[in-house]
C-alpha atoms as a PDB file:
ATOM      1  CA  MET A   1       0.005   0.111   0.053  1.00  0.00           C
ATOM      2  CA  MET A   2       1.161   3.655  -0.770  1.00  0.00           C
ATOM      3  CA  ARG A   3       2.041   5.977   2.484  1.00  0.00           C
ATOM      4  CA  ALA A   4       0.472   8.223   3.943  1.00  0.00           C
ATOM      5  CA  PRO A   5       0.225  11.436   0.902  1.00  0.00           C
ATOM      6  CA  ARG A   6      -1.058  14.763   1.340  1.00  0.00           C
ATOM      7  CA  ILE A   7      -3.382  14.887  -1.681  1.00  0.00           C
ATOM      8  CA  LEU A   8      -5.608  18.223  -3.422  1.00  0.00           C
ATOM      9  CA  ILE A   9      -8.305  17.590  -5.840  1.00  0.00           C
ATOM     10  CA  LEU A  10      -8.824  20.460  -8.154  1.00  0.00           C
ATOM     11  CA  ALA A  11     -12.419  20.241  -7.974  1.00  0.00           C
ATOM     12  CA  PRO A  12     -13.821  23.163 -11.005  1.00  0.00           C
ATOM     13  CA  HIS A  13     -17.366  22.774  -9.273  1.00  0.00           C
ATOM     14  CA  PRO A  14     -18.743  21.175  -5.725  1.00  0.00           C
ATOM     15  CA  ASP A  15     -19.496  17.670  -6.491  1.00  0.00           C
ATOM     16  CA  ASP A  16     -16.721  17.259  -9.043  1.00  0.00           C
ATOM     17  CA  GLU A  17     -14.550  15.835  -6.216  1.00  0.00           C
ATOM     18  CA  THR A  18     -17.119  12.695  -5.817  1.00  0.00           C
ATOM     19  CA  VAL A  19     -18.171  12.230  -9.282  1.00  0.00           C
ATOM     20  CA  ALA A  20     -14.191  11.653 -10.774  1.00  0.00           C
ATOM     21  CA  CYS A  21     -12.665  10.309  -7.744  1.00  0.00           C
ATOM     22  CA  GLY A  22     -14.890   9.576  -4.841  1.00  0.00           C
ATOM     23  CA  ILE A  23     -13.791   6.030  -4.772  1.00  0.00           C
ATOM     24  CA  ALA A  24     -10.194   6.899  -5.098  1.00  0.00           C
ATOM     25  CA  ALA A  25     -10.180   9.085  -1.895  1.00  0.00           C
ATOM     26  CA  MET A  26     -12.092   7.006   0.336  1.00  0.00           C
ATOM     27  CA  ARG A  27      -9.767   4.054  -0.721  1.00  0.00           C
ATOM     28  CA  THR A  28      -6.668   6.265  -0.423  1.00  0.00           C
ATOM     29  CA  ARG A  29      -7.622   7.274   2.740  1.00  0.00           C
ATOM     30  CA  ALA A  30      -8.181   4.399   4.145  1.00  0.00           C
ATOM     31  CA  ALA A  31      -4.274   3.653   3.241  1.00  0.00           C
ATOM     32  CA  GLY A  32      -3.552   6.473   5.105  1.00  0.00           C
ATOM     33  CA  SER A  33      -3.882   9.605   3.349  1.00  0.00           C
ATOM     34  CA  ARG A  34      -5.116  12.976   3.994  1.00  0.00           C
ATOM     35  CA  ILE A  35      -6.947  14.355   1.298  1.00  0.00           C
ATOM     36  CA  PHE A  36      -7.868  18.107   0.606  1.00  0.00           C
ATOM     37  CA  VAL A  37     -10.071  19.738  -1.855  1.00  0.00           C
ATOM     38  CA  LEU A  38      -9.984  22.959  -3.525  1.00  0.00           C
ATOM     39  CA  TYR A  39     -13.379  24.193  -5.090  1.00  0.00           C
ATOM     40  CA  LEU A  40     -12.327  25.999  -7.645  1.00  0.00           C
ATOM     41  CA  THR A  41     -15.741  27.694  -8.755  1.00  0.00           C
ATOM     42  CA  THR A  42     -18.791  28.149  -7.489  1.00  0.00           C
ATOM     43  CA  GLY A  43     -20.393  25.854  -9.909  1.00  0.00           C
ATOM     44  CA  VAL A  44     -23.584  28.245 -10.069  1.00  0.00           C
ATOM     45  CA  PRO A  45     -23.309  30.566 -13.460  1.00  0.00           C
ATOM     46  CA  GLU A  46     -22.837  34.695 -12.807  1.00  0.00           C
ATOM     47  CA  ALA A  47     -26.222  36.234 -11.629  1.00  0.00           C
ATOM     48  CA  GLY A  48     -26.857  37.221 -15.319  1.00  0.00           C
ATOM     49  CA  ALA A  49     -26.611  33.925 -17.157  1.00  0.00           C
ATOM     50  CA  LEU A  50     -30.371  32.954 -15.091  1.00  0.00           C
ATOM     51  CA  TRP A  51     -33.709  33.620 -15.318  1.00  0.00           C
ATOM     52  CA  PRO A  52     -34.419  37.391 -14.646  1.00  0.00           C
ATOM     53  CA  TRP A  53     -36.889  35.914 -11.551  1.00  0.00           C
ATOM     54  CA  GLN A  54     -33.862  33.527 -10.140  1.00  0.00           C
ATOM     55  CA  ARG A  55     -31.478  36.413  -9.336  1.00  0.00           C
ATOM     56  CA  LEU A  56     -32.340  37.700  -6.678  1.00  0.00           C
ATOM     57  CA  GLY A  57     -31.759  34.460  -5.588  1.00  0.00           C
ATOM     58  CA  HIS A  58     -28.018  34.025  -6.742  1.00  0.00           C
ATOM     59  CA  LEU A  59     -26.395  34.153  -3.402  1.00  0.00           C
ATOM     60  CA  ALA A  60     -28.486  31.530  -1.744  1.00  0.00           C
ATOM     61  CA  ARG A  61     -27.900  29.324  -4.711  1.00  0.00           C
ATOM     62  CA  VAL A  62     -23.900  29.274  -3.830  1.00  0.00           C
ATOM     63  CA  ARG A  63     -24.329  29.544  -0.323  1.00  0.00           C
ATOM     64  CA  ARG A  64     -26.253  25.975  -0.746  1.00  0.00           C
ATOM     65  CA  ARG A  65     -23.567  23.965  -3.301  1.00  0.00           C
ATOM     66  CA  ARG A  66     -21.285  25.166  -0.727  1.00  0.00           C
ATOM     67  CA  GLU A  67     -22.947  24.101   2.247  1.00  0.00           C
ATOM     68  CA  GLU A  68     -23.696  20.852   0.033  1.00  0.00           C
ATOM     69  CA  ALA A  69     -20.113  20.553  -1.109  1.00  0.00           C
ATOM     70  CA  GLN A  70     -19.315  20.627   3.714  1.00  0.00           C
ATOM     71  CA  LEU A  71     -21.958  17.509   3.765  1.00  0.00           C
ATOM     72  CA  ALA A  72     -20.335  15.728   0.298  1.00  0.00           C
ATOM     73  CA  ALA A  73     -16.644  16.416   1.912  1.00  0.00           C
ATOM     74  CA  ALA A  74     -17.689  14.968   5.542  1.00  0.00           C
ATOM     75  CA  ALA A  75     -19.530  11.804   4.070  1.00  0.00           C
ATOM     76  CA  LEU A  76     -16.051  11.252   2.289  1.00  0.00           C
ATOM     77  CA  GLY A  77     -13.567  11.969   4.777  1.00  0.00           C
ATOM     78  CA  LEU A  78     -12.448  15.046   2.799  1.00  0.00           C
ATOM     79  CA  ALA A  79     -11.271  18.688   3.761  1.00  0.00           C
ATOM     80  CA  PRO A  80     -12.473  21.688   2.067  1.00  0.00           C
ATOM     81  CA  ALA A  81      -9.272  23.950   1.463  1.00  0.00           C
ATOM     82  CA  GLY A  82     -10.950  26.938  -0.043  1.00  0.00           C
ATOM     83  CA  PHE A  83     -13.888  27.962  -1.943  1.00  0.00           C
ATOM     84  CA  ARG A  84     -13.177  30.112  -4.871  1.00  0.00           C
ATOM     85  CA  ASP A  85     -15.303  32.764  -5.859  1.00  0.00           C
ATOM     86  CA  THR A  86     -15.114  32.184  -9.722  1.00  0.00           C
ATOM     87  CA  PRO A  87     -18.968  31.829 -11.793  1.00  0.00           C
ATOM     88  CA  SER A  88     -19.092  28.282 -13.527  1.00  0.00           C
ATOM     89  CA  ARG A  89     -18.138  28.541 -17.044  1.00  0.00           C
ATOM     90  CA  GLN A  90     -15.948  31.299 -16.325  1.00  0.00           C
ATOM     91  CA  LEU A  91     -12.644  29.479 -14.827  1.00  0.00           C
ATOM     92  CA  ARG A  92     -11.168  29.763 -18.444  1.00  0.00           C
ATOM     93  CA  LEU A  93     -11.125  33.699 -18.123  1.00  0.00           C
ATOM     94  CA  ASP A  94     -10.056  33.692 -14.574  1.00  0.00           C
ATOM     95  CA  LEU A  95      -6.425  31.255 -14.960  1.00  0.00           C
ATOM     96  CA  ASP A  96      -3.624  33.561 -14.155  1.00  0.00           C
ATOM     97  CA  ARG A  97      -5.510  34.276 -10.521  1.00  0.00           C
ATOM     98  CA  ALA A  98      -5.869  30.743  -9.809  1.00  0.00           C
ATOM     99  CA  VAL A  99      -2.686  29.819  -9.712  1.00  0.00           C
ATOM    100  CA  PRO A 100      -1.331  31.466  -7.663  1.00  0.00           C
ATOM    101  CA  GLU A 101      -4.502  30.389  -5.193  1.00  0.00           C
ATOM    102  CA  ILE A 102      -3.635  26.664  -6.153  1.00  0.00           C
ATOM    103  CA  ALA A 103       0.360  27.019  -5.298  1.00  0.00           C
ATOM    104  CA  ALA A 104      -1.064  28.767  -1.582  1.00  0.00           C
ATOM    105  CA  ALA A 105      -3.117  25.604  -1.545  1.00  0.00           C
ATOM    106  CA  ILE A 106      -0.813  22.941  -2.219  1.00  0.00           C
ATOM    107  CA  ALA A 107       1.839  24.843   0.358  1.00  0.00           C
ATOM    108  CA  THR A 108      -0.865  24.979   3.014  1.00  0.00           C
ATOM    109  CA  CYS A 109      -1.701  21.729   2.397  1.00  0.00           C
ATOM    110  CA  SER A 110       1.797  20.511   2.220  1.00  0.00           C
ATOM    111  CA  ALA A 111       0.591  18.432  -0.675  1.00  0.00           C
ATOM    112  CA  GLU A 112       2.401  16.016  -2.411  1.00  0.00           C
ATOM    113  CA  ALA A 113      -0.013  14.919  -5.424  1.00  0.00           C
ATOM    114  CA  LEU A 114      -2.350  16.803  -7.242  1.00  0.00           C
ATOM    115  CA  TRP A 115      -6.173  15.367  -8.825  1.00  0.00           C
ATOM    116  CA  VAL A 116      -7.770  16.537 -11.172  1.00  0.00           C
ATOM    117  CA  PRO A 117     -11.049  16.006 -13.487  1.00  0.00           C
ATOM    118  CA  ALA A 118      -9.904  14.763 -17.171  1.00  0.00           C
ATOM    119  CA  PHE A 119      -9.804  16.362 -20.346  1.00  0.00           C
ATOM    120  CA  GLU A 120     -12.682  15.193 -22.093  1.00  0.00           C
ATOM    121  CA  GLY A 121     -14.798  18.058 -23.497  1.00  0.00           C
ATOM    122  CA  GLY A 122     -17.882  17.024 -20.363  1.00  0.00           C
ATOM    123  CA  HIS A 123     -17.852  21.018 -19.228  1.00  0.00           C
ATOM    124  CA  GLN A 124     -15.146  23.512 -20.024  1.00  0.00           C
ATOM    125  CA  ASP A 125     -14.389  24.199 -16.625  1.00  0.00           C
ATOM    126  CA  HIS A 126     -13.296  20.899 -16.120  1.00  0.00           C
ATOM    127  CA  ASP A 127     -11.274  21.197 -19.362  1.00  0.00           C
ATOM    128  CA  ALA A 128      -9.743  24.550 -17.475  1.00  0.00           C
ATOM    129  CA  ALA A 129      -9.055  22.746 -14.443  1.00  0.00           C
ATOM    130  CA  ASN A 130      -6.971  19.882 -16.162  1.00  0.00           C
ATOM    131  CA  ALA A 131      -4.729  22.805 -17.954  1.00  0.00           C
ATOM    132  CA  LEU A 132      -4.185  24.149 -14.804  1.00  0.00           C
ATOM    133  CA  ALA A 133      -3.566  21.398 -12.863  1.00  0.00           C
ATOM    134  CA  ALA A 134      -0.762  20.794 -16.542  1.00  0.00           C
ATOM    135  CA  SER A 135       1.047  23.808 -14.998  1.00  0.00           C
ATOM    136  CA  PHE A 136       2.161  22.041 -11.963  1.00  0.00           C
ATOM    137  CA  VAL A 137       3.317  19.140 -13.401  1.00  0.00           C
ATOM    138  CA  GLY A 138       7.332  18.872 -12.667  1.00  0.00           C
ATOM    139  CA  ARG A 139       6.401  20.129  -8.997  1.00  0.00           C
ATOM    140  CA  LEU A 140       4.639  17.151  -8.047  1.00  0.00           C
ATOM    141  CA  PRO A 141       2.779  14.300  -9.564  1.00  0.00           C
ATOM    142  CA  VAL A 142      -0.389  15.092 -11.124  1.00  0.00           C
ATOM    143  CA  TRP A 143      -3.136  12.294 -12.069  1.00  0.00           C
ATOM    144  CA  GLU A 144      -6.455  12.835 -14.102  1.00  0.00           C
ATOM    145  CA  PHE A 145      -9.830  11.039 -12.872  1.00  0.00           C
ATOM    146  CA  ALA A 146     -12.435  10.500 -16.044  1.00  0.00           C
ATOM    147  CA  ALA A 147     -15.905  11.949 -14.875  1.00  0.00           C
ATOM    148  CA  TYR A 148     -17.689  12.052 -17.993  1.00  0.00           C
ATOM    149  CA  ASN A 149     -17.859  12.556 -21.704  1.00  0.00           C
ATOM    150  CA  PHE A 150     -19.439  11.852 -24.960  1.00  0.00           C
ATOM    151  CA  SER A 151     -17.233  10.417 -27.438  1.00  0.00           C
ATOM    152  CA  GLY A 152     -18.577   7.788 -29.831  1.00  0.00           C
ATOM    153  CA  ALA A 153     -21.426   9.887 -29.754  1.00  0.00           C
ATOM    154  CA  ARG A 154     -22.645   7.964 -26.161  1.00  0.00           C
ATOM    155  CA  VAL A 155     -22.873   8.692 -22.903  1.00  0.00           C
ATOM    156  CA  HIS A 156     -19.628   7.782 -21.026  1.00  0.00           C
ATOM    157  CA  SER A 157     -19.234   7.708 -16.833  1.00  0.00           C
ATOM    158  CA  ASN A 158     -15.926   7.386 -15.717  1.00  0.00           C
ATOM    159  CA  ARG A 159     -14.183   6.241 -18.274  1.00  0.00           C
ATOM    160  CA  PHE A 160     -11.931   7.695 -20.210  1.00  0.00           C
ATOM    161  CA  ALA A 161     -12.897   9.293 -24.077  1.00  0.00           C
ATOM    162  CA  ILE A 162      -9.040   8.589 -25.312  1.00  0.00           C
ATOM    163  CA  GLU A 163      -6.758   6.130 -23.713  1.00  0.00           C
ATOM    164  CA  ARG A 164      -3.122   7.634 -23.284  1.00  0.00           C
ATOM    165  CA  GLY A 165      -1.398   5.107 -21.587  1.00  0.00           C
ATOM    166  CA  GLY A 166      -1.058   4.852 -17.733  1.00  0.00           C
ATOM    167  CA  GLU A 167      -4.931   4.033 -17.179  1.00  0.00           C
ATOM    168  CA  MET A 168      -5.965   2.391 -14.140  1.00  0.00           C
ATOM    169  CA  ALA A 169      -9.911   1.067 -13.249  1.00  0.00           C
ATOM    170  CA  ILE A 170     -10.832   1.339  -9.904  1.00  0.00           C
ATOM    171  CA  GLU A 171     -13.687  -1.429  -9.014  1.00  0.00           C
ATOM    172  CA  ALA A 172     -15.554  -0.044  -6.161  1.00  0.00           C
ATOM    173  CA  THR A 173     -16.789  -2.342  -3.308  1.00  0.00           C
ATOM    174  CA  ALA A 174     -20.322  -2.875  -2.754  1.00  0.00           C
ATOM    175  CA  ALA A 175     -19.548  -0.332   0.521  1.00  0.00           C
ATOM    176  CA  GLU A 176     -17.330   2.198  -1.041  1.00  0.00           C
ATOM    177  CA  ALA A 177     -20.448   2.288  -3.996  1.00  0.00           C
ATOM    178  CA  GLN A 178     -22.621   2.798  -1.434  1.00  0.00           C
ATOM    179  CA  GLN A 179     -20.387   5.454   0.009  1.00  0.00           C
ATOM    180  CA  LYS A 180     -20.013   7.328  -2.986  1.00  0.00           C
ATOM    181  CA  ARG A 181     -23.917   7.168  -4.167  1.00  0.00           C
ATOM    182  CA  ALA A 182     -24.564   8.645  -0.685  1.00  0.00           C
ATOM    183  CA  ALA A 183     -22.180  11.677  -1.069  1.00  0.00           C
ATOM    184  CA  LEU A 184     -23.474  12.311  -4.484  1.00  0.00           C
ATOM    185  CA  ALA A 185     -26.904  12.637  -2.659  1.00  0.00           C
ATOM    186  CA  CYS A 186     -25.518  15.453  -0.354  1.00  0.00           C
ATOM    187  CA  TYR A 187     -25.797  17.552  -3.744  1.00  0.00           C
ATOM    188  CA  ALA A 188     -29.458  17.966  -3.963  1.00  0.00           C
ATOM    189  CA  SER A 189     -29.599  20.518  -5.874  1.00  0.00           C
ATOM    190  CA  GLU A 190     -27.555  18.839  -8.673  1.00  0.00           C
ATOM    191  CA  ARG A 191     -30.116  15.665  -8.976  1.00  0.00           C
ATOM    192  CA  GLY A 192     -31.233  16.416 -11.847  1.00  0.00           C
ATOM    193  CA  ASN A 193     -27.479  16.373 -13.388  1.00  0.00           C
ATOM    194  CA  LEU A 194     -25.998  13.438 -11.315  1.00  0.00           C
ATOM    195  CA  GLY A 195     -28.476  10.681 -12.730  1.00  0.00           C
ATOM    196  CA  TYR A 196     -25.593   9.203 -15.384  1.00  0.00           C
ATOM    197  CA  ILE A 197     -23.076   9.202 -12.730  1.00  0.00           C
ATOM    198  CA  GLY A 198     -21.487   5.571 -11.833  1.00  0.00           C
ATOM    199  CA  VAL A 199     -20.667   4.802  -8.204  1.00  0.00           C
ATOM    200  CA  GLU A 200     -19.530   0.833  -9.356  1.00  0.00           C
ATOM    201  CA  ARG A 201     -16.466   2.147 -11.217  1.00  0.00           C
ATOM    202  CA  GLU A 202     -13.780   4.867 -11.715  1.00  0.00           C
ATOM    203  CA  ALA A 203     -10.773   5.644 -13.788  1.00  0.00           C
ATOM    204  CA  CYS A 204      -7.402   7.409 -13.617  1.00  0.00           C
ATOM    205  CA  ARG A 205      -4.195   8.058 -15.300  1.00  0.00           C
ATOM    206  CA  PRO A 206      -0.919  10.189 -14.764  1.00  0.00           C
ATOM    207  CA  LEU A 207      -1.790  13.625 -16.186  1.00  0.00           C
ATOM    208  CA  ALA A 208      -1.635  13.046 -19.903  1.00  0.00           C
ATOM    209  CA  ALA A 209       0.364  15.670 -22.682  1.00  0.00           C
ATOM    210  CA  HIS A 210      -3.214  17.332 -24.082  1.00  0.00           C
ATOM    211  CA  ASP A 211      -3.230  19.720 -27.094  1.00  0.00           C
ATOM    212  CA  TYR A 212      -5.186  22.338 -24.943  1.00  0.00           C
ATOM    213  CA  GLY A 213      -6.002  24.467 -27.977  1.00  0.00           C
ATOM    214  CA  ALA A 214      -8.401  21.572 -29.476  1.00  0.00           C
ATOM    215  CA  PRO A 215     -11.440  19.926 -28.313  1.00  0.00           C
ATOM    216  CA  PRO A 216     -10.370  16.946 -26.820  1.00  0.00           C
ATOM    217  CA  HIS A 217     -11.906  14.333 -29.091  1.00  0.00           C
ATOM    218  CA  PRO A 218     -13.513  13.678 -32.646  1.00  0.00           C
ATOM    219  CA  GLY A 219     -17.316  14.467 -32.694  1.00  0.00           C
ATOM    220  CA  ARG A 220     -20.180  16.451 -30.592  1.00  0.00           C
ATOM    221  CA  LEU A 221     -18.797  17.050 -27.007  1.00  0.00           C
ATOM    222  CA  PHE A 222     -20.804  16.400 -23.840  1.00  0.00           C
ATOM    223  CA  ARG A 223     -21.216  20.122 -23.189  1.00  0.00           C
ATOM    224  CA  GLU A 224     -22.248  20.312 -27.307  1.00  0.00           C
ATOM    225  CA  ARG A 225     -25.337  18.570 -26.724  1.00  0.00           C
ATOM    226  CA  PHE A 226     -28.438  20.559 -26.224  1.00  0.00           C
ATOM    227  CA  HIS A 227     -26.582  23.555 -28.440  1.00  0.00           C
ATOM    228  CA  TRP A 228     -29.399  22.660 -30.954  1.00  0.00           C
ATOM    229  CA  VAL A 229     -32.331  24.448 -28.449  1.00  0.00           C
ATOM    230  CA  PRO A 230     -33.067  27.823 -30.261  1.00  0.00           C
ATOM    231  CA  PHE A 231     -33.241  30.336 -26.781  1.00  0.00           C
ATOM    232  CA  ARG A 232     -30.871  30.556 -24.634  1.00  0.00           C
ATOM    233  CA  HIS A 233     -31.462  28.727 -21.609  1.00  0.00           C
ATOM    234  CA  PRO A 234     -29.585  29.496 -18.318  1.00  0.00           C
ATOM    235  CA  ARG A 235     -28.802  25.275 -17.971  1.00  0.00           C
ATOM    236  CA  ILE A 236     -26.927  25.261 -20.823  1.00  0.00           C
ATOM    237  CA  ASP A 237     -23.853  26.582 -22.276  1.00  0.00           C
ATOM    238  CA  PHE A 238     -23.557  27.896 -25.440  1.00  0.00           C
ATOM    239  CA  ALA A 239     -20.193  28.935 -25.346  1.00  0.00           C
ATOM    240  CA  PRO A 240     -18.841  28.076 -28.767  1.00  0.00           C
ATOM    241  CA  SER A 241     -16.100  25.323 -28.468  1.00  0.00           C
ATOM    242  CA  ALA A 242     -13.526  27.061 -30.756  1.00  0.00           C
ATOM    243  CA  GLU A 243     -13.852  30.185 -28.320  1.00  0.00           C
ATOM    244  CA  VAL A 244     -13.324  27.398 -25.101  1.00  0.00           C
ATOM    245  CA  TYR A 245     -10.114  26.162 -25.980  1.00  0.00           C
ATOM    246  CA  ARG A 246      -8.890  29.544 -28.032  1.00  0.00           C
ATOM    247  CA  ASP A 247      -8.811  30.493 -24.522  1.00  0.00           C
ATOM    248  CA  ILE A 248      -7.489  27.355 -22.717  1.00  0.00           C
ATOM    249  CA  GLY A 249      -5.288  26.311 -25.279  1.00  0.00           C
ATOM    250  CA  SER A 250      -3.671  30.448 -25.590  1.00  0.00           C
ATOM    251  CA  TRP A 251      -3.236  30.244 -22.065  1.00  0.00           C
ATOM    252  CA  ALA A 252      -1.905  26.925 -21.689  1.00  0.00           C
ATOM    253  CA  SER A 253       0.899  27.330 -24.310  1.00  0.00           C
ATOM    254  CA  ALA A 254       2.372  30.797 -22.415  1.00  0.00           C
ATOM    255  CA  ALA A 255       1.861  28.558 -18.779  1.00  0.00           C
ATOM    256  CA  LYS A 256       4.486  25.813 -20.643  1.00  0.00           C
ATOM    257  CA  SER A 257       6.686  28.515 -22.345  1.00  0.00           C
ATOM    258  CA  LEU A 258       6.791  29.907 -18.771  1.00  0.00           C
ATOM    259  CA  GLN A 259       7.996  26.379 -17.671  1.00  0.00           C
ATOM    260  CA  THR A 260      10.536  25.741 -20.129  1.00  0.00           C
ATOM    261  CA  GLY A 261      13.915  25.685 -19.122  1.00  0.00           C
ATOM    262  CA  MET A 262      12.604  25.984 -15.454  1.00  0.00           C
ATOM    263  CA  LEU A 263      11.435  22.136 -14.076  1.00  0.00           C
ATOM    264  CA  GLY A 264      13.595  19.481 -15.579  1.00  0.00           C
ATOM    265  CA  ASP A 265      11.635  16.261 -17.130  1.00  0.00           C
ATOM    266  CA  ARG A 266      12.798  13.148 -15.440  1.00  0.00           C
ATOM    267  CA  PRO A 267      15.516  11.032 -17.310  1.00  0.00           C
ATOM    268  CA  GLY A 268      14.024   9.460 -19.442  1.00  0.00           C
ATOM    269  CA  GLY A 269      10.230   9.845 -18.812  1.00  0.00           C
ATOM    270  CA  GLU A 270      10.726   7.765 -16.078  1.00  0.00           C
ATOM    271  CA  PRO A 271       7.539   7.704 -13.639  1.00  0.00           C
ATOM    272  CA  GLY A 272       9.246   9.283  -9.741  1.00  0.00           C
ATOM    273  CA  GLN A 273       8.546   6.936  -6.677  1.00  0.00           C
ATOM    274  CA  PRO A 274       5.103   8.987  -5.760  1.00  0.00           C
ATOM    275  CA  GLU A 275       3.461   7.865  -9.148  1.00  0.00           C
ATOM    276  CA  ARG A 276       4.760   4.217  -8.110  1.00  0.00           C
ATOM    277  CA  GLU A 277       3.513   4.459  -4.874  1.00  0.00           C
ATOM    278  CA  PHE A 278       0.167   5.798  -5.572  1.00  0.00           C
ATOM    279  CA  ALA A 279      -0.244   2.738  -8.039  1.00  0.00           C
ATOM    280  CA  ARG A 280       0.649   0.286  -5.052  1.00  0.00           C
ATOM    281  CA  ALA A 281      -2.052   2.105  -2.923  1.00  0.00           C
ATOM    282  CA  PHE A 282      -4.543   0.132  -4.757  1.00  0.00           C
ATOM    283  CA  ASP A 283      -3.133  -3.227  -5.050  1.00  0.00           C
ATOM    284  CA  GLN A 284      -5.369  -5.778  -3.498  1.00  0.00           C
ATOM    285  CA  THR A 285      -4.805  -9.421  -1.503  1.00  0.00           C
ATOM    286  CA  GLU A 286      -6.774 -12.017  -3.387  1.00  0.00           C
ATOM    287  CA  ARG A 287      -9.237 -11.402  -0.788  1.00  0.00           C
ATOM    288  CA  GLU A 288      -9.841  -7.661  -1.562  1.00  0.00           C
ATOM    289  CA  PRO A 289     -11.468  -6.096  -4.784  1.00  0.00           C
ATOM    290  CA  GLY A 290      -9.269  -4.028  -6.375  1.00  0.00           C
ATOM    291  CA  LEU A 291      -8.349  -2.823  -9.691  1.00  0.00           C
ATOM    292  CA  THR A 292      -9.647  -4.911 -12.814  1.00  0.00           C
ATOM    293  CA  GLY A 293      -9.882  -4.605 -16.557  1.00  0.00           C
ATOM    294  CA  GLN A 294     -13.251  -6.296 -16.412  1.00  0.00           C
ATOM    295  CA  PRO A 295     -15.524  -7.008 -13.748  1.00  0.00           C
ATOM    296  CA  GLY A 296     -14.915 -10.616 -12.391  1.00  0.00           C
ATOM    297  CA  LYS A 297     -11.497 -10.979 -14.465  1.00  0.00           C
ATOM    298  CA  GLY A 298      -9.109  -9.831 -11.793  1.00  0.00           C
ATOM    299  CA  SER A 299      -6.550  -7.803 -13.593  1.00  0.00           C
ATOM    300  CA  GLU A 300      -6.618  -8.977 -16.955  1.00  0.00           C
ATOM    301  CA  ARG A 301      -4.769  -6.824 -19.817  1.00  0.00           C
ATOM    302  CA  ASP A 302      -5.590  -6.038 -23.597  1.00  0.00           C
ATOM    303  CA  GLN A 303      -2.078  -6.557 -25.839  1.00  0.00           C
ATOM    304  CA  HIS A 304      -1.090  -2.751 -25.062  1.00  0.00           C
ATOM    305  CA  GLY A 305      -1.070  -3.673 -21.447  1.00  0.00           C
ATOM    306  CA  LEU A 306      -3.929  -1.276 -20.588  1.00  0.00           C
ATOM    307  CA  LEU A 307      -6.766  -1.970 -18.568  1.00  0.00           C
ATOM    308  CA  ARG A 308      -9.944  -2.830 -20.602  1.00  0.00           C
ATOM    309  CA  PRO A 309     -12.659  -0.899 -19.630  1.00  0.00           C
ATOM    310  CA  PRO A 310     -15.778  -2.951 -18.801  1.00  0.00           C
ATOM    311  CA  PRO A 311     -18.364  -3.848 -21.437  1.00  0.00           C
ATOM    312  CA  GLY A 312     -21.598  -1.828 -20.798  1.00  0.00           C
ATOM    313  CA  GLY A 313     -19.387  -0.511 -17.863  1.00  0.00           C
ATOM    314  CA  ASP A 314     -20.161   3.690 -18.811  1.00  0.00           C
ATOM    315  CA  CYS A 315     -23.674   4.776 -18.853  1.00  0.00           C
ATOM    316  CA  GLU A 316     -24.946   4.109 -22.011  1.00  0.00           C
ATOM    317  CA  GLY A 317     -28.131   2.695 -22.563  1.00  0.00           C
ATOM    318  CA  GLY A 318     -31.062   5.299 -19.979  1.00  0.00           C
ATOM    319  CA  ALA A 319     -28.733   7.993 -19.623  1.00  0.00           C
ATOM    320  CA  ALA A 320     -28.353   7.996 -23.550  1.00  0.00           C
ATOM    321  CA  ARG A 321     -32.040   7.595 -24.478  1.00  0.00           C
ATOM    322  CA  GLY A 322     -33.258   9.869 -21.725  1.00  0.00           C
ATOM    323  CA  GLU A 323     -31.044  13.120 -22.919  1.00  0.00           C
ATOM    324  CA  ARG A 324     -33.906  14.657 -24.566  1.00  0.00           C
ATOM    325  CA  GLU A 325     -36.482  13.101 -21.783  1.00  0.00           C
ATOM    326  CA  ALA A 326     -34.533  15.254 -19.425  1.00  0.00           C
ATOM    327  CA  PHE A 327     -34.385  18.454 -20.992  1.00  0.00           C
ATOM    328  CA  GLU A 328     -38.437  18.161 -22.088  1.00  0.00           C
ATOM    329  CA  GLN A 329     -38.851  17.862 -18.854  1.00  0.00           C
ATOM    330  CA  ASP A 330     -36.454  20.697 -17.405  1.00  0.00           C
ATOM    331  CA  ARG A 331     -34.272  18.169 -15.319  1.00  0.00           C
ATOM    332  CA  LEU A 332     -30.866  19.360 -16.842  1.00  0.00           C
ATOM    333  CA  GLY A 333     -30.221  20.659 -13.237  1.00  0.00           C
ATOM    334  CA  GLU A 334     -28.245  23.582 -12.107  1.00  0.00           C
ATOM    335  CA  THR A 335     -25.797  23.021 -14.671  1.00  0.00           C
ATOM    336  CA  GLY A 336     -21.977  24.657 -14.151  1.00  0.00           C
END
């Protein structure tokens, strides 16, 4: 098992710490880790993006989301490290201010690793947070966790859109699945958004070298599914993807150029001791459920050595079929 590091989760919104890595957090805590969470946005769009009759209650919505985050953190045994005041869908415009605040949180928590949702087109704030985490590569290990995506025109939960190498699948025990379900239930204001999130499986890998100036995968992105709506519904992020990735990509390129010559790469690109120990955190005895390529098939791997995704293990089917009905019933939730 891994030694007990101190880990900082960069949660783009209150609930992403649970959605992306709730099982991993529980299991790593059981191994002796202390895990902190920095919430990068309020999880609520700016007041002007809401319906006119909702705007007076904007601060109450922000306050409720923070209260839910504290309940979920308590359910998982996590420690909130701070709540930033950036509105949802605005993180890509606030990256310069976020960097020193993340650095301060790392120092305050004495964090030895960063966890962040994957760059996968699920939400623009997820992708911006991933770019922020990339700016800390070389200072400490950074791991990304699949949250949700729409690769192949199907909804996937906790499964990477594209394998890049080093993927690890985490299969939950019955107790872990129940605990994650309870933590998700703390976000009552997001109930309409979280129905497609699974509790049986998570996936992580060392942060890949992404091109932040381009969409994460071919085809329509998760955040683009309702762009056909002919009016500006406040629960839909209508920002053009070309604009989103232009902003994130240009910032990431500038940040990378600042790092050049300041932070050396490991010889040969070999993983360092923290990465090896993180991987060992999920090593299990024969009596324990652990990482599996497919449920019930031990640690079976494909010819490339990557963990195979479980067949049907994402949330196709009901979630994908119900998208139109969800919108028609106004169940998009308080989308960030």
